[in-house]
Amino acid sequence: MVVDNEFNIGDIVYLKTDSEQKPRIVTRFTVSQSAIVYELNHSTECTSHYNFEISNERDILVALNANPES
């Protein structure tokens, strides 16, 4: 089996819809027949996401639009 994961364990990533654009670390990924699900950690928070929800780069426009006075 060949696994074509987009992100690796230890990568720092961002959720595209996170208005705070907090950095998260990839701590695990699970491979199924139809998808790869990534486990991301920030502080004590642990969440699971698909690759299309994740970016290698912080989106400053998302953060600025969520907090216009910043």
C-alpha atoms as a PDB file:
ATOM      1  CA  MET A   1       0.000   0.000   0.000  1.00  0.00           C
ATOM      2  CA  VAL A   2       1.222   3.482  -0.834  1.00  0.00           C
ATOM      3  CA  VAL A   3       0.000   6.305   1.417  1.00  0.00           C
ATOM      4  CA  ASP A   4      -0.002   9.745  -0.190  1.00  0.00           C
ATOM      5  CA  ASN A   5      -0.304  11.917   2.912  1.00  0.00           C
ATOM      6  CA  GLU A   6      -0.137  15.662   2.395  1.00  0.00           C
ATOM      7  CA  PHE A   7       1.015  16.446   5.945  1.00  0.00           C
ATOM      8  CA  ASN A   8       3.508  14.631   8.160  1.00  0.00           C
ATOM      9  CA  ILE A   9       3.653  14.048  11.899  1.00  0.00           C
ATOM     10  CA  GLY A  10       5.340  17.060  13.479  1.00  0.00           C
ATOM     11  CA  ASP A  11       4.248  19.542  10.784  1.00  0.00           C
ATOM     12  CA  ILE A  12       2.875  22.876  12.001  1.00  0.00           C
ATOM     13  CA  VAL A  13      -0.396  23.594  10.191  1.00  0.00           C
ATOM     14  CA  TYR A  14      -3.441  25.875  10.365  1.00  0.00           C
ATOM     15  CA  LEU A  15      -7.146  25.242   9.976  1.00  0.00           C
ATOM     16  CA  LYS A  16      -8.514  27.223   7.055  1.00  0.00           C
ATOM     17  CA  THR A  17     -11.669  28.182   8.978  1.00  0.00           C
ATOM     18  CA  ASP A  18     -10.026  28.986  12.330  1.00  0.00           C
ATOM     19  CA  SER A  19     -10.609  32.692  12.874  1.00  0.00           C
ATOM     20  CA  GLU A  20      -7.679  32.864  15.302  1.00  0.00           C
ATOM     21  CA  GLN A  21      -5.345  30.979  12.931  1.00  0.00           C
ATOM     22  CA  LYS A  22      -3.734  29.134  15.846  1.00  0.00           C
ATOM     23  CA  PRO A  23      -0.761  26.940  14.922  1.00  0.00           C
ATOM     24  CA  ARG A  24      -1.433  23.235  15.361  1.00  0.00           C
ATOM     25  CA  ILE A  25       0.871  20.248  15.209  1.00  0.00           C
ATOM     26  CA  VAL A  26       0.071  17.054  13.326  1.00  0.00           C
ATOM     27  CA  THR A  27       0.319  14.256  15.879  1.00  0.00           C
ATOM     28  CA  ARG A  28      -1.309  11.372  14.006  1.00  0.00           C
ATOM     29  CA  PHE A  29      -3.013  10.448  10.799  1.00  0.00           C
ATOM     30  CA  THR A  30      -5.383   7.599  10.118  1.00  0.00           C
ATOM     31  CA  VAL A  31      -5.674   5.978   6.715  1.00  0.00           C
ATOM     32  CA  SER A  32      -8.969   4.525   5.564  1.00  0.00           C
ATOM     33  CA  GLN A  33     -10.139   3.265   2.197  1.00  0.00           C
ATOM     34  CA  SER A  34     -11.541   6.641   1.185  1.00  0.00           C
ATOM     35  CA  ALA A  35      -9.567   9.296   3.095  1.00  0.00           C
ATOM     36  CA  ILE A  36      -6.738  10.287   5.393  1.00  0.00           C
ATOM     37  CA  VAL A  37      -7.813  11.952   8.629  1.00  0.00           C
ATOM     38  CA  TYR A  38      -5.249  14.089  10.461  1.00  0.00           C
ATOM     39  CA  GLU A  39      -5.187  14.582  14.227  1.00  0.00           C
ATOM     40  CA  LEU A  40      -4.112  18.118  15.136  1.00  0.00           C
ATOM     41  CA  ASN A  41      -3.154  19.435  18.562  1.00  0.00           C
ATOM     42  CA  HIS A  42      -3.083  22.960  19.962  1.00  0.00           C
ATOM     43  CA  SER A  43      -2.381  23.228  23.692  1.00  0.00           C
ATOM     44  CA  THR A  44      -4.732  20.659  25.256  1.00  0.00           C
ATOM     45  CA  GLU A  45      -7.143  20.667  22.312  1.00  0.00           C
ATOM     46  CA  CYS A  46      -7.050  17.667  19.972  1.00  0.00           C
ATOM     47  CA  THR A  47      -9.194  17.612  16.814  1.00  0.00           C
ATOM     48  CA  SER A  48      -9.458  15.534  13.633  1.00  0.00           C
ATOM     49  CA  HIS A  49      -9.624  16.972  10.107  1.00  0.00           C
ATOM     50  CA  TYR A  50      -9.455  16.129   6.421  1.00  0.00           C
ATOM     51  CA  ASN A  51      -6.642  17.519   4.269  1.00  0.00           C
ATOM     52  CA  PHE A  52      -8.901  20.062   2.550  1.00  0.00           C
ATOM     53  CA  GLU A  53      -9.500  21.750   5.929  1.00  0.00           C
ATOM     54  CA  ILE A  54      -5.775  22.234   6.597  1.00  0.00           C
ATOM     55  CA  SER A  55      -3.116  24.605   5.269  1.00  0.00           C
ATOM     56  CA  ASN A  56       0.652  24.847   5.703  1.00  0.00           C
ATOM     57  CA  GLU A  57       0.370  28.633   5.861  1.00  0.00           C
ATOM     58  CA  ARG A  58      -1.405  30.969   8.241  1.00  0.00           C
ATOM     59  CA  ASP A  59      -4.166  32.962   6.516  1.00  0.00           C
ATOM     60  CA  ILE A  60      -3.809  36.423   7.977  1.00  0.00           C
ATOM     61  CA  LEU A  61      -6.905  37.662   6.119  1.00  0.00           C
ATOM     62  CA  VAL A  62      -9.095  35.163   7.982  1.00  0.00           C
ATOM     63  CA  ALA A  63      -7.647  36.372  11.284  1.00  0.00           C
ATOM     64  CA  LEU A  64      -8.034  40.048  10.386  1.00  0.00           C
ATOM     65  CA  ASN A  65     -11.628  39.634   9.174  1.00  0.00           C
ATOM     66  CA  ALA A  66     -12.564  37.845  12.392  1.00  0.00           C
ATOM     67  CA  ASN A  67     -10.924  40.566  14.545  1.00  0.00           C
ATOM     68  CA  PRO A  68     -11.211  43.828  12.574  1.00  0.00           C
ATOM     69  CA  GLU A  69      -9.942  46.020  15.452  1.00  0.00           C
ATOM     70  CA  SER A  70      -6.606  44.109  15.561  1.00  0.00           C
END
